[in-house]
Amino acid sequence: MKIIAGNWKMNGTRNTLSEMIAALEHIDTENRVILCVPYTMLCTNSGKINIGAQDVSAHDHGAYTGEISAKMIAETGAKYVIVGHSERRQYHNETNAIVRAKASAALASGLTPIICVGETMDEKQAGKTMEIIESGVRESVPDDTNGNIIIAYEPRWAIGAGLTPSAPEIATAHELIANTLTDMGLANTPILYGASVKGTNAAQIMSIPHVDGVLVGGASLKPDDFIPIITSTK
Protein backbone atom coordinates (compact mmCIF):
# COMPACT_ATOMS: atom_id res chain seq x y z
CA MET A 1 0.00 0.00 0.00
CA LYS A 2 1.28 3.43 -0.98
CA ILE A 3 0.13 6.93 -0.05
CA ILE A 4 -0.90 9.03 -3.05
CA ALA A 5 -1.37 12.63 -1.96
CA GLY A 6 -2.49 15.39 -4.31
CA ASN A 7 -1.74 19.05 -3.63
CA TRP A 8 -4.11 21.28 -5.56
CA LYS A 9 -2.35 24.47 -4.47
CA MET A 10 -4.48 27.54 -5.41
CA ASN A 11 -6.50 25.73 -8.06
CA GLY A 12 -9.91 24.14 -8.51
CA THR A 13 -13.48 24.72 -7.37
CA ARG A 14 -15.94 22.79 -5.26
CA ASN A 15 -17.44 21.50 -8.49
CA THR A 16 -14.12 20.20 -9.84
CA LEU A 17 -13.43 18.55 -6.49
CA SER A 18 -16.81 16.79 -6.61
CA GLU A 19 -16.03 15.62 -10.14
CA MET A 20 -12.64 14.28 -9.00
CA ILE A 21 -14.16 12.46 -6.04
CA ALA A 22 -16.77 10.88 -8.30
CA ALA A 23 -14.07 9.80 -10.76
CA LEU A 24 -12.02 8.18 -7.99
CA GLU A 25 -14.93 6.48 -6.23
CA HIS A 26 -14.68 3.21 -8.14
CA ILE A 27 -10.93 3.03 -8.66
CA ASP A 28 -9.59 -0.41 -7.75
CA THR A 29 -6.67 0.36 -5.46
CA GLU A 30 -5.34 -0.49 -2.03
CA ASN A 31 -3.48 2.81 -1.89
CA ARG A 32 -4.43 5.60 0.49
CA VAL A 33 -5.51 8.61 -1.56
CA ILE A 34 -5.36 12.10 -0.05
CA LEU A 35 -6.43 15.36 -1.69
CA CYS A 36 -5.06 18.53 -0.08
CA VAL A 37 -7.30 21.31 -1.33
CA PRO A 38 -7.93 25.03 -0.68
CA TYR A 39 -9.73 25.85 2.58
CA THR A 40 -12.98 26.66 0.73
CA MET A 41 -13.27 23.01 -0.36
CA LEU A 42 -12.64 21.29 2.97
CA CYS A 43 -16.28 20.72 3.94
CA THR A 44 -16.89 18.22 1.17
CA ASN A 45 -18.44 14.77 1.19
CA SER A 46 -15.33 12.97 0.03
CA GLY A 47 -16.49 9.35 0.08
CA LYS A 48 -13.47 7.08 0.49
CA ILE A 49 -11.01 9.83 -0.44
CA ASN A 50 -9.14 11.53 2.43
CA ILE A 51 -9.23 15.32 2.48
CA GLY A 52 -6.47 17.56 3.77
CA ALA A 53 -5.52 21.23 3.91
CA GLN A 54 -2.39 22.85 2.48
CA ASP A 55 -1.30 24.89 5.48
CA VAL A 56 -2.25 25.63 9.07
CA SER A 57 -1.61 28.35 11.62
CA ALA A 58 0.80 27.71 14.47
CA HIS A 59 -1.68 29.55 16.73
CA ASP A 60 -4.76 28.05 18.37
CA HIS A 61 -6.87 31.23 18.15
CA GLY A 62 -6.61 34.99 18.43
CA ALA A 63 -6.02 38.15 16.41
CA TYR A 64 -4.34 36.51 13.43
CA THR A 65 -6.32 37.83 10.47
CA GLY A 66 -6.44 35.46 7.54
CA GLU A 67 -5.05 32.44 9.37
CA ILE A 68 -6.84 29.12 9.93
CA SER A 69 -6.25 27.06 13.07
CA ALA A 70 -5.81 23.30 13.22
CA LYS A 71 -9.01 23.03 15.26
CA MET A 72 -10.93 24.81 12.48
CA ILE A 73 -9.50 22.45 9.87
CA ALA A 74 -10.30 19.39 11.96
CA GLU A 75 -13.87 20.66 12.42
CA THR A 76 -14.43 20.36 8.66
CA GLY A 77 -13.69 16.64 8.80
CA ALA A 78 -10.27 16.95 7.16
CA LYS A 79 -7.65 14.52 8.46
CA TYR A 80 -4.39 15.81 6.98
CA VAL A 81 -2.51 19.06 6.47
CA ILE A 82 0.65 19.89 4.52
CA VAL A 83 3.20 21.92 6.49
CA GLY A 84 6.45 23.42 5.26
CA HIS A 85 5.73 22.99 1.56
CA SER A 86 8.55 24.40 -0.55
CA GLU A 87 6.34 27.25 -1.74
CA ARG A 88 5.53 28.22 1.86
CA ARG A 89 9.24 28.16 2.68
CA GLN A 90 10.13 30.17 -0.43
CA TYR A 91 7.36 32.75 -0.61
CA HIS A 92 6.52 33.08 3.10
CA ASN A 93 9.99 32.54 4.57
CA GLU A 94 8.88 29.61 6.71
CA THR A 95 11.76 28.18 8.74
CA ASN A 96 12.10 24.72 10.25
CA ALA A 97 11.07 26.21 13.60
CA ILE A 98 7.84 27.59 12.12
CA VAL A 99 7.11 24.29 10.38
CA ARG A 100 7.69 22.45 13.64
CA ALA A 101 5.22 24.73 15.45
CA LYS A 102 2.61 24.21 12.75
CA ALA A 103 3.08 20.44 12.80
CA SER A 104 2.71 20.46 16.58
CA ALA A 105 -0.53 22.45 16.32
CA ALA A 106 -1.85 19.99 13.74
CA LEU A 107 -1.06 17.01 15.93
CA ALA A 108 -2.73 18.62 18.95
CA SER A 109 -5.99 18.81 16.99
CA GLY A 110 -5.82 15.24 15.70
CA LEU A 111 -4.56 16.07 12.21
CA THR A 112 -1.76 14.20 10.49
CA PRO A 113 0.85 16.68 9.25
CA ILE A 114 2.62 15.98 5.97
CA ILE A 115 5.96 17.63 6.78
CA CYS A 116 7.94 18.73 3.72
CA VAL A 117 11.71 18.97 3.56
CA GLY A 118 14.13 19.48 0.69
CA GLU A 119 16.98 21.48 -0.78
CA THR A 120 17.10 24.45 -3.14
CA MET A 121 19.23 24.57 -6.29
CA ASP A 122 21.78 26.78 -4.54
CA GLU A 123 22.02 24.30 -1.67
CA LYS A 124 22.32 21.40 -4.09
CA GLN A 125 25.10 23.08 -6.05
CA ALA A 126 26.90 23.89 -2.81
CA GLY A 127 26.92 20.21 -1.88
CA LYS A 128 24.60 20.73 1.09
CA THR A 129 21.77 18.41 0.04
CA MET A 130 22.25 15.82 2.78
CA GLU A 131 22.83 18.47 5.45
CA ILE A 132 19.67 20.37 4.52
CA ILE A 133 17.54 17.23 4.38
CA GLU A 134 18.71 15.91 7.74
CA SER A 135 18.37 19.26 9.52
CA GLY A 136 14.97 19.70 7.91
CA VAL A 137 13.76 16.44 9.42
CA ARG A 138 15.34 16.90 12.84
CA GLU A 139 14.24 20.53 13.21
CA SER A 140 10.77 20.33 11.64
CA VAL A 141 9.42 17.21 13.36
CA PRO A 142 7.90 17.83 16.82
CA ASP A 143 8.80 15.66 19.80
CA ASP A 144 5.19 14.67 20.52
CA THR A 145 4.24 12.96 17.25
CA ASN A 146 2.97 9.61 18.59
CA GLY A 147 4.06 8.32 15.21
CA ASN A 148 1.25 10.25 13.51
CA ILE A 149 3.24 12.10 10.85
CA ILE A 150 4.19 11.77 7.19
CA ILE A 151 7.39 13.16 5.70
CA ALA A 152 7.55 14.40 2.11
CA TYR A 153 10.89 14.87 0.40
CA GLU A 154 10.68 17.71 -2.11
CA PRO A 155 13.82 18.56 -4.06
CA ARG A 156 12.85 22.22 -4.26
CA TRP A 157 14.97 22.80 -7.35
CA ALA A 158 12.83 20.33 -9.30
CA ILE A 159 9.36 21.60 -8.37
CA GLY A 160 7.61 23.41 -11.19
CA ALA A 161 10.68 23.02 -13.38
CA GLY A 162 9.70 19.70 -14.91
CA LEU A 163 12.88 18.18 -13.49
CA THR A 164 13.17 14.88 -11.67
CA PRO A 165 16.21 13.68 -9.69
CA SER A 166 17.77 10.41 -10.77
CA ALA A 167 16.64 7.21 -9.06
CA PRO A 168 19.95 7.00 -7.12
CA GLU A 169 19.49 10.60 -5.92
CA ILE A 170 15.97 9.86 -4.70
CA ALA A 171 17.12 6.62 -3.07
CA THR A 172 19.97 8.36 -1.24
CA ALA A 173 17.70 11.14 0.05
CA HIS A 174 15.01 8.75 1.22
CA GLU A 175 17.51 6.45 2.90
CA LEU A 176 18.90 9.41 4.82
CA ILE A 177 15.41 10.45 5.90
CA ALA A 178 14.54 6.91 6.96
CA ASN A 179 17.77 6.57 8.96
CA THR A 180 17.27 9.98 10.58
CA LEU A 181 13.71 9.12 11.59
CA THR A 182 14.86 5.79 13.01
CA ASP A 183 17.50 7.62 15.06
CA MET A 184 14.72 9.89 16.35
CA GLY A 185 12.64 6.88 17.41
CA LEU A 186 10.27 7.26 14.46
CA ALA A 187 11.07 4.20 12.37
CA ASN A 188 8.40 3.20 9.83
CA THR A 189 7.21 6.78 9.35
CA PRO A 190 5.89 7.03 5.76
CA ILE A 191 8.14 9.03 3.42
CA LEU A 192 6.67 10.49 0.23
CA TYR A 193 8.51 11.81 -2.80
CA GLY A 194 7.24 15.01 -4.39
CA ALA A 195 8.45 16.82 -7.51
CA SER A 196 7.31 16.42 -11.11
CA VAL A 197 5.44 13.17 -10.41
CA LYS A 198 3.27 11.95 -13.29
CA GLY A 199 1.72 8.77 -14.60
CA THR A 200 4.75 7.89 -16.67
CA ASN A 201 7.25 7.94 -13.79
CA ALA A 202 5.16 7.23 -10.69
CA ALA A 203 5.62 3.46 -10.67
CA GLN A 204 9.39 3.74 -11.08
CA ILE A 205 9.66 6.32 -8.31
CA MET A 206 7.53 4.27 -5.91
CA SER A 207 9.65 1.17 -6.55
CA ILE A 208 12.65 2.92 -4.98
CA PRO A 209 13.44 1.75 -1.42
CA HIS A 210 11.97 3.95 1.36
CA VAL A 211 9.57 5.67 -1.06
CA ASP A 212 6.19 5.03 0.55
CA GLY A 213 4.18 7.14 -1.85
CA VAL A 214 4.12 10.44 -3.70
CA LEU A 215 3.04 14.03 -3.21
CA VAL A 216 1.60 15.14 -6.56
CA GLY A 217 1.12 18.71 -7.75
CA GLY A 218 -0.31 19.63 -11.14
CA ALA A 219 -0.97 16.02 -12.16
CA SER A 220 -3.49 15.68 -9.30
CA LEU A 221 -5.89 18.28 -10.76
CA LYS A 222 -7.46 16.13 -13.47
CA PRO A 223 -8.72 12.55 -13.18
CA ASP A 224 -7.07 11.54 -16.46
CA ASP A 225 -3.70 12.56 -15.02
CA PHE A 226 -4.20 11.52 -11.38
CA ILE A 227 -5.78 8.10 -11.84
CA PRO A 228 -2.76 6.61 -13.70
CA ILE A 229 -0.57 7.62 -10.75
CA ILE A 230 -2.93 6.03 -8.23
CA THR A 231 -3.20 2.78 -10.20
CA SER A 232 0.47 2.62 -11.20
CA THR A 233 1.20 0.54 -8.11
CA LYS A 234 -0.78 -1.58 -5.68
C-alpha atoms as a PDB file:
ATOM      1  CA  MET A   1       0.000   0.000   0.000  1.00  0.00           C
ATOM      2  CA  LYS A   2       1.284   3.428  -0.984  1.00  0.00           C
ATOM      3  CA  ILE A   3       0.126   6.926  -0.054  1.00  0.00           C
ATOM      4  CA  ILE A   4      -0.900   9.029  -3.050  1.00  0.00           C
ATOM      5  CA  ALA A   5      -1.371  12.631  -1.957  1.00  0.00           C
ATOM      6  CA  GLY A   6      -2.491  15.386  -4.306  1.00  0.00           C
ATOM      7  CA  ASN A   7      -1.740  19.050  -3.626  1.00  0.00           C
ATOM      8  CA  TRP A   8      -4.113  21.278  -5.563  1.00  0.00           C
ATOM      9  CA  LYS A   9      -2.347  24.471  -4.467  1.00  0.00           C
ATOM     10  CA  MET A  10      -4.476  27.537  -5.412  1.00  0.00           C
ATOM     11  CA  ASN A  11      -6.503  25.735  -8.056  1.00  0.00           C
ATOM     12  CA  GLY A  12      -9.906  24.141  -8.506  1.00  0.00           C
ATOM     13  CA  THR A  13     -13.475  24.723  -7.375  1.00  0.00           C
ATOM     14  CA  ARG A  14     -15.937  22.791  -5.260  1.00  0.00           C
ATOM     15  CA  ASN A  15     -17.437  21.500  -8.489  1.00  0.00           C
ATOM     16  CA  THR A  16     -14.120  20.203  -9.841  1.00  0.00           C
ATOM     17  CA  LEU A  17     -13.434  18.551  -6.486  1.00  0.00           C
ATOM     18  CA  SER A  18     -16.813  16.793  -6.609  1.00  0.00           C
ATOM     19  CA  GLU A  19     -16.027  15.617 -10.139  1.00  0.00           C
ATOM     20  CA  MET A  20     -12.641  14.285  -8.997  1.00  0.00           C
ATOM     21  CA  ILE A  21     -14.156  12.458  -6.035  1.00  0.00           C
ATOM     22  CA  ALA A  22     -16.772  10.876  -8.300  1.00  0.00           C
ATOM     23  CA  ALA A  23     -14.070   9.796 -10.758  1.00  0.00           C
ATOM     24  CA  LEU A  24     -12.021   8.184  -7.989  1.00  0.00           C
ATOM     25  CA  GLU A  25     -14.932   6.479  -6.228  1.00  0.00           C
ATOM     26  CA  HIS A  26     -14.685   3.212  -8.137  1.00  0.00           C
ATOM     27  CA  ILE A  27     -10.926   3.033  -8.664  1.00  0.00           C
ATOM     28  CA  ASP A  28      -9.591  -0.411  -7.751  1.00  0.00           C
ATOM     29  CA  THR A  29      -6.670   0.355  -5.464  1.00  0.00           C
ATOM     30  CA  GLU A  30      -5.342  -0.492  -2.035  1.00  0.00           C
ATOM     31  CA  ASN A  31      -3.480   2.811  -1.890  1.00  0.00           C
ATOM     32  CA  ARG A  32      -4.434   5.599   0.491  1.00  0.00           C
ATOM     33  CA  VAL A  33      -5.514   8.614  -1.560  1.00  0.00           C
ATOM     34  CA  ILE A  34      -5.362  12.101  -0.048  1.00  0.00           C
ATOM     35  CA  LEU A  35      -6.429  15.363  -1.691  1.00  0.00           C
ATOM     36  CA  CYS A  36      -5.064  18.528  -0.083  1.00  0.00           C
ATOM     37  CA  VAL A  37      -7.298  21.311  -1.326  1.00  0.00           C
ATOM     38  CA  PRO A  38      -7.933  25.031  -0.676  1.00  0.00           C
ATOM     39  CA  TYR A  39      -9.733  25.853   2.582  1.00  0.00           C
ATOM     40  CA  THR A  40     -12.984  26.660   0.728  1.00  0.00           C
ATOM     41  CA  MET A  41     -13.272  23.015  -0.359  1.00  0.00           C
ATOM     42  CA  LEU A  42     -12.636  21.289   2.973  1.00  0.00           C
ATOM     43  CA  CYS A  43     -16.279  20.720   3.940  1.00  0.00           C
ATOM     44  CA  THR A  44     -16.892  18.220   1.170  1.00  0.00           C
ATOM     45  CA  ASN A  45     -18.438  14.765   1.194  1.00  0.00           C
ATOM     46  CA  SER A  46     -15.330  12.966   0.026  1.00  0.00           C
ATOM     47  CA  GLY A  47     -16.486   9.349   0.084  1.00  0.00           C
ATOM     48  CA  LYS A  48     -13.472   7.081   0.495  1.00  0.00           C
ATOM     49  CA  ILE A  49     -11.007   9.828  -0.439  1.00  0.00           C
ATOM     50  CA  ASN A  50      -9.144  11.526   2.430  1.00  0.00           C
ATOM     51  CA  ILE A  51      -9.235  15.317   2.485  1.00  0.00           C
ATOM     52  CA  GLY A  52      -6.466  17.560   3.771  1.00  0.00           C
ATOM     53  CA  ALA A  53      -5.519  21.231   3.913  1.00  0.00           C
ATOM     54  CA  GLN A  54      -2.391  22.849   2.476  1.00  0.00           C
ATOM     55  CA  ASP A  55      -1.298  24.890   5.482  1.00  0.00           C
ATOM     56  CA  VAL A  56      -2.254  25.632   9.074  1.00  0.00           C
ATOM     57  CA  SER A  57      -1.606  28.349  11.616  1.00  0.00           C
ATOM     58  CA  ALA A  58       0.800  27.705  14.474  1.00  0.00           C
ATOM     59  CA  HIS A  59      -1.683  29.554  16.726  1.00  0.00           C
ATOM     60  CA  ASP A  60      -4.756  28.045  18.365  1.00  0.00           C
ATOM     61  CA  HIS A  61      -6.871  31.227  18.151  1.00  0.00           C
ATOM     62  CA  GLY A  62      -6.615  34.989  18.425  1.00  0.00           C
ATOM     63  CA  ALA A  63      -6.019  38.151  16.410  1.00  0.00           C
ATOM     64  CA  TYR A  64      -4.340  36.512  13.430  1.00  0.00           C
ATOM     65  CA  THR A  65      -6.318  37.832  10.471  1.00  0.00           C
ATOM     66  CA  GLY A  66      -6.444  35.458   7.535  1.00  0.00           C
ATOM     67  CA  GLU A  67      -5.052  32.439   9.366  1.00  0.00           C
ATOM     68  CA  ILE A  68      -6.838  29.121   9.929  1.00  0.00           C
ATOM     69  CA  SER A  69      -6.254  27.061  13.070  1.00  0.00           C
ATOM     70  CA  ALA A  70      -5.813  23.303  13.222  1.00  0.00           C
ATOM     71  CA  LYS A  71      -9.013  23.027  15.257  1.00  0.00           C
ATOM     72  CA  MET A  72     -10.935  24.809  12.484  1.00  0.00           C
ATOM     73  CA  ILE A  73      -9.504  22.449   9.865  1.00  0.00           C
ATOM     74  CA  ALA A  74     -10.305  19.387  11.960  1.00  0.00           C
ATOM     75  CA  GLU A  75     -13.870  20.662  12.424  1.00  0.00           C
ATOM     76  CA  THR A  76     -14.429  20.363   8.657  1.00  0.00           C
ATOM     77  CA  GLY A  77     -13.688  16.635   8.796  1.00  0.00           C
ATOM     78  CA  ALA A  78     -10.270  16.954   7.160  1.00  0.00           C
ATOM     79  CA  LYS A  79      -7.654  14.520   8.461  1.00  0.00           C
ATOM     80  CA  TYR A  80      -4.393  15.812   6.983  1.00  0.00           C
ATOM     81  CA  VAL A  81      -2.507  19.063   6.474  1.00  0.00           C
ATOM     82  CA  ILE A  82       0.650  19.895   4.519  1.00  0.00           C
ATOM     83  CA  VAL A  83       3.198  21.916   6.493  1.00  0.00           C
ATOM     84  CA  GLY A  84       6.451  23.417   5.262  1.00  0.00           C
ATOM     85  CA  HIS A  85       5.735  22.995   1.564  1.00  0.00           C
ATOM     86  CA  SER A  86       8.552  24.399  -0.551  1.00  0.00           C
ATOM     87  CA  GLU A  87       6.341  27.251  -1.735  1.00  0.00           C
ATOM     88  CA  ARG A  88       5.535  28.225   1.857  1.00  0.00           C
ATOM     89  CA  ARG A  89       9.236  28.156   2.677  1.00  0.00           C
ATOM     90  CA  GLN A  90      10.129  30.170  -0.430  1.00  0.00           C
ATOM     91  CA  TYR A  91       7.357  32.753  -0.610  1.00  0.00           C
ATOM     92  CA  HIS A  92       6.522  33.076   3.096  1.00  0.00           C
ATOM     93  CA  ASN A  93       9.986  32.540   4.567  1.00  0.00           C
ATOM     94  CA  GLU A  94       8.884  29.612   6.715  1.00  0.00           C
ATOM     95  CA  THR A  95      11.758  28.179   8.744  1.00  0.00           C
ATOM     96  CA  ASN A  96      12.100  24.716  10.246  1.00  0.00           C
ATOM     97  CA  ALA A  97      11.067  26.212  13.598  1.00  0.00           C
ATOM     98  CA  ILE A  98       7.841  27.593  12.119  1.00  0.00           C
ATOM     99  CA  VAL A  99       7.111  24.292  10.383  1.00  0.00           C
ATOM    100  CA  ARG A 100       7.690  22.454  13.645  1.00  0.00           C
ATOM    101  CA  ALA A 101       5.225  24.734  15.450  1.00  0.00           C
ATOM    102  CA  LYS A 102       2.606  24.207  12.748  1.00  0.00           C
ATOM    103  CA  ALA A 103       3.082  20.444  12.803  1.00  0.00           C
ATOM    104  CA  SER A 104       2.715  20.458  16.580  1.00  0.00           C
ATOM    105  CA  ALA A 105      -0.527  22.454  16.320  1.00  0.00           C
ATOM    106  CA  ALA A 106      -1.851  19.993  13.739  1.00  0.00           C
ATOM    107  CA  LEU A 107      -1.062  17.008  15.929  1.00  0.00           C
ATOM    108  CA  ALA A 108      -2.727  18.618  18.948  1.00  0.00           C
ATOM    109  CA  SER A 109      -5.991  18.806  16.986  1.00  0.00           C
ATOM    110  CA  GLY A 110      -5.818  15.241  15.697  1.00  0.00           C
ATOM    111  CA  LEU A 111      -4.563  16.066  12.211  1.00  0.00           C
ATOM    112  CA  THR A 112      -1.757  14.198  10.490  1.00  0.00           C
ATOM    113  CA  PRO A 113       0.845  16.681   9.245  1.00  0.00           C
ATOM    114  CA  ILE A 114       2.624  15.984   5.972  1.00  0.00           C
ATOM    115  CA  ILE A 115       5.956  17.630   6.783  1.00  0.00           C
ATOM    116  CA  CYS A 116       7.937  18.728   3.721  1.00  0.00           C
ATOM    117  CA  VAL A 117      11.709  18.966   3.556  1.00  0.00           C
ATOM    118  CA  GLY A 118      14.126  19.480   0.687  1.00  0.00           C
ATOM    119  CA  GLU A 119      16.980  21.477  -0.781  1.00  0.00           C
ATOM    120  CA  THR A 120      17.095  24.454  -3.145  1.00  0.00           C
ATOM    121  CA  MET A 121      19.227  24.566  -6.287  1.00  0.00           C
ATOM    122  CA  ASP A 122      21.784  26.784  -4.544  1.00  0.00           C
ATOM    123  CA  GLU A 123      22.021  24.303  -1.674  1.00  0.00           C
ATOM    124  CA  LYS A 124      22.316  21.401  -4.092  1.00  0.00           C
ATOM    125  CA  GLN A 125      25.101  23.076  -6.046  1.00  0.00           C
ATOM    126  CA  ALA A 126      26.900  23.885  -2.808  1.00  0.00           C
ATOM    127  CA  GLY A 127      26.917  20.205  -1.879  1.00  0.00           C
ATOM    128  CA  LYS A 128      24.602  20.727   1.087  1.00  0.00           C
ATOM    129  CA  THR A 129      21.765  18.408   0.038  1.00  0.00           C
ATOM    130  CA  MET A 130      22.248  15.819   2.785  1.00  0.00           C
ATOM    131  CA  GLU A 131      22.834  18.471   5.452  1.00  0.00           C
ATOM    132  CA  ILE A 132      19.669  20.372   4.516  1.00  0.00           C
ATOM    133  CA  ILE A 133      17.537  17.229   4.380  1.00  0.00           C
ATOM    134  CA  GLU A 134      18.714  15.915   7.738  1.00  0.00           C
ATOM    135  CA  SER A 135      18.374  19.260   9.525  1.00  0.00           C
ATOM    136  CA  GLY A 136      14.970  19.702   7.909  1.00  0.00           C
ATOM    137  CA  VAL A 137      13.755  16.444   9.422  1.00  0.00           C
ATOM    138  CA  ARG A 138      15.336  16.901  12.844  1.00  0.00           C
ATOM    139  CA  GLU A 139      14.244  20.526  13.215  1.00  0.00           C
ATOM    140  CA  SER A 140      10.769  20.332  11.637  1.00  0.00           C
ATOM    141  CA  VAL A 141       9.421  17.213  13.360  1.00  0.00           C
ATOM    142  CA  PRO A 142       7.899  17.833  16.822  1.00  0.00           C
ATOM    143  CA  ASP A 143       8.796  15.658  19.800  1.00  0.00           C
ATOM    144  CA  ASP A 144       5.189  14.674  20.519  1.00  0.00           C
ATOM    145  CA  THR A 145       4.237  12.963  17.252  1.00  0.00           C
ATOM    146  CA  ASN A 146       2.974   9.614  18.595  1.00  0.00           C
ATOM    147  CA  GLY A 147       4.055   8.319  15.205  1.00  0.00           C
ATOM    148  CA  ASN A 148       1.248  10.247  13.507  1.00  0.00           C
ATOM    149  CA  ILE A 149       3.242  12.097  10.846  1.00  0.00           C
ATOM    150  CA  ILE A 150       4.187  11.766   7.192  1.00  0.00           C
ATOM    151  CA  ILE A 151       7.391  13.159   5.699  1.00  0.00           C
ATOM    152  CA  ALA A 152       7.546  14.402   2.113  1.00  0.00           C
ATOM    153  CA  TYR A 153      10.889  14.870   0.396  1.00  0.00           C
ATOM    154  CA  GLU A 154      10.682  17.709  -2.109  1.00  0.00           C
ATOM    155  CA  PRO A 155      13.821  18.560  -4.059  1.00  0.00           C
ATOM    156  CA  ARG A 156      12.853  22.224  -4.255  1.00  0.00           C
ATOM    157  CA  TRP A 157      14.965  22.795  -7.353  1.00  0.00           C
ATOM    158  CA  ALA A 158      12.828  20.327  -9.299  1.00  0.00           C
ATOM    159  CA  ILE A 159       9.358  21.605  -8.367  1.00  0.00           C
ATOM    160  CA  GLY A 160       7.611  23.407 -11.191  1.00  0.00           C
ATOM    161  CA  ALA A 161      10.680  23.022 -13.379  1.00  0.00           C
ATOM    162  CA  GLY A 162       9.704  19.700 -14.914  1.00  0.00           C
ATOM    163  CA  LEU A 163      12.880  18.178 -13.489  1.00  0.00           C
ATOM    164  CA  THR A 164      13.172  14.876 -11.666  1.00  0.00           C
ATOM    165  CA  PRO A 165      16.206  13.681  -9.691  1.00  0.00           C
ATOM    166  CA  SER A 166      17.769  10.410 -10.768  1.00  0.00           C
ATOM    167  CA  ALA A 167      16.639   7.212  -9.058  1.00  0.00           C
ATOM    168  CA  PRO A 168      19.945   6.996  -7.118  1.00  0.00           C
ATOM    169  CA  GLU A 169      19.494  10.600  -5.918  1.00  0.00           C
ATOM    170  CA  ILE A 170      15.967   9.863  -4.701  1.00  0.00           C
ATOM    171  CA  ALA A 171      17.123   6.622  -3.070  1.00  0.00           C
ATOM    172  CA  THR A 172      19.966   8.363  -1.239  1.00  0.00           C
ATOM    173  CA  ALA A 173      17.698  11.139   0.055  1.00  0.00           C
ATOM    174  CA  HIS A 174      15.005   8.749   1.223  1.00  0.00           C
ATOM    175  CA  GLU A 175      17.510   6.450   2.898  1.00  0.00           C
ATOM    176  CA  LEU A 176      18.902   9.409   4.822  1.00  0.00           C
ATOM    177  CA  ILE A 177      15.409  10.455   5.901  1.00  0.00           C
ATOM    178  CA  ALA A 178      14.544   6.911   6.961  1.00  0.00           C
ATOM    179  CA  ASN A 179      17.769   6.575   8.963  1.00  0.00           C
ATOM    180  CA  THR A 180      17.269   9.984  10.580  1.00  0.00           C
ATOM    181  CA  LEU A 181      13.713   9.125  11.590  1.00  0.00           C
ATOM    182  CA  THR A 182      14.863   5.789  13.014  1.00  0.00           C
ATOM    183  CA  ASP A 183      17.501   7.621  15.062  1.00  0.00           C
ATOM    184  CA  MET A 184      14.723   9.888  16.351  1.00  0.00           C
ATOM    185  CA  GLY A 185      12.640   6.882  17.406  1.00  0.00           C
ATOM    186  CA  LEU A 186      10.266   7.257  14.460  1.00  0.00           C
ATOM    187  CA  ALA A 187      11.067   4.196  12.375  1.00  0.00           C
ATOM    188  CA  ASN A 188       8.404   3.197   9.830  1.00  0.00           C
ATOM    189  CA  THR A 189       7.213   6.781   9.347  1.00  0.00           C
ATOM    190  CA  PRO A 190       5.891   7.033   5.756  1.00  0.00           C
ATOM    191  CA  ILE A 191       8.144   9.029   3.421  1.00  0.00           C
ATOM    192  CA  LEU A 192       6.673  10.491   0.229  1.00  0.00           C
ATOM    193  CA  TYR A 193       8.508  11.812  -2.805  1.00  0.00           C
ATOM    194  CA  GLY A 194       7.237  15.007  -4.390  1.00  0.00           C
ATOM    195  CA  ALA A 195       8.445  16.817  -7.515  1.00  0.00           C
ATOM    196  CA  SER A 196       7.309  16.417 -11.114  1.00  0.00           C
ATOM    197  CA  VAL A 197       5.436  13.173 -10.413  1.00  0.00           C
ATOM    198  CA  LYS A 198       3.270  11.953 -13.289  1.00  0.00           C
ATOM    199  CA  GLY A 199       1.715   8.769 -14.596  1.00  0.00           C
ATOM    200  CA  THR A 200       4.754   7.894 -16.670  1.00  0.00           C
ATOM    201  CA  ASN A 201       7.250   7.944 -13.788  1.00  0.00           C
ATOM    202  CA  ALA A 202       5.161   7.231 -10.686  1.00  0.00           C
ATOM    203  CA  ALA A 203       5.625   3.457 -10.670  1.00  0.00           C
ATOM    204  CA  GLN A 204       9.394   3.739 -11.084  1.00  0.00           C
ATOM    205  CA  ILE A 205       9.665   6.320  -8.311  1.00  0.00           C
ATOM    206  CA  MET A 206       7.533   4.271  -5.906  1.00  0.00           C
ATOM    207  CA  SER A 207       9.648   1.174  -6.546  1.00  0.00           C
ATOM    208  CA  ILE A 208      12.652   2.917  -4.977  1.00  0.00           C
ATOM    209  CA  PRO A 209      13.443   1.752  -1.417  1.00  0.00           C
ATOM    210  CA  HIS A 210      11.975   3.945   1.357  1.00  0.00           C
ATOM    211  CA  VAL A 211       9.572   5.672  -1.056  1.00  0.00           C
ATOM    212  CA  ASP A 212       6.193   5.031   0.553  1.00  0.00           C
ATOM    213  CA  GLY A 213       4.176   7.145  -1.848  1.00  0.00           C
ATOM    214  CA  VAL A 214       4.124  10.435  -3.702  1.00  0.00           C
ATOM    215  CA  LEU A 215       3.036  14.029  -3.214  1.00  0.00           C
ATOM    216  CA  VAL A 216       1.604  15.135  -6.559  1.00  0.00           C
ATOM    217  CA  GLY A 217       1.116  18.710  -7.745  1.00  0.00           C
ATOM    218  CA  GLY A 218      -0.308  19.627 -11.136  1.00  0.00           C
ATOM    219  CA  ALA A 219      -0.972  16.025 -12.156  1.00  0.00           C
ATOM    220  CA  SER A 220      -3.495  15.685  -9.302  1.00  0.00           C
ATOM    221  CA  LEU A 221      -5.885  18.276 -10.763  1.00  0.00           C
ATOM    222  CA  LYS A 222      -7.462  16.127 -13.469  1.00  0.00           C
ATOM    223  CA  PRO A 223      -8.722  12.546 -13.182  1.00  0.00           C
ATOM    224  CA  ASP A 224      -7.066  11.543 -16.459  1.00  0.00           C
ATOM    225  CA  ASP A 225      -3.700  12.557 -15.020  1.00  0.00           C
ATOM    226  CA  PHE A 226      -4.201  11.519 -11.384  1.00  0.00           C
ATOM    227  CA  ILE A 227      -5.776   8.098 -11.838  1.00  0.00           C
ATOM    228  CA  PRO A 228      -2.759   6.605 -13.699  1.00  0.00           C
ATOM    229  CA  ILE A 229      -0.572   7.618 -10.745  1.00  0.00           C
ATOM    230  CA  ILE A 230      -2.931   6.031  -8.231  1.00  0.00           C
ATOM    231  CA  THR A 231      -3.199   2.785 -10.202  1.00  0.00           C
ATOM    232  CA  SER A 232       0.474   2.616 -11.201  1.00  0.00           C
ATOM    233  CA  THR A 233       1.201   0.544  -8.111  1.00  0.00           C
ATOM    234  CA  LYS A 234      -0.783  -1.579  -5.681  1.00  0.00           C
END
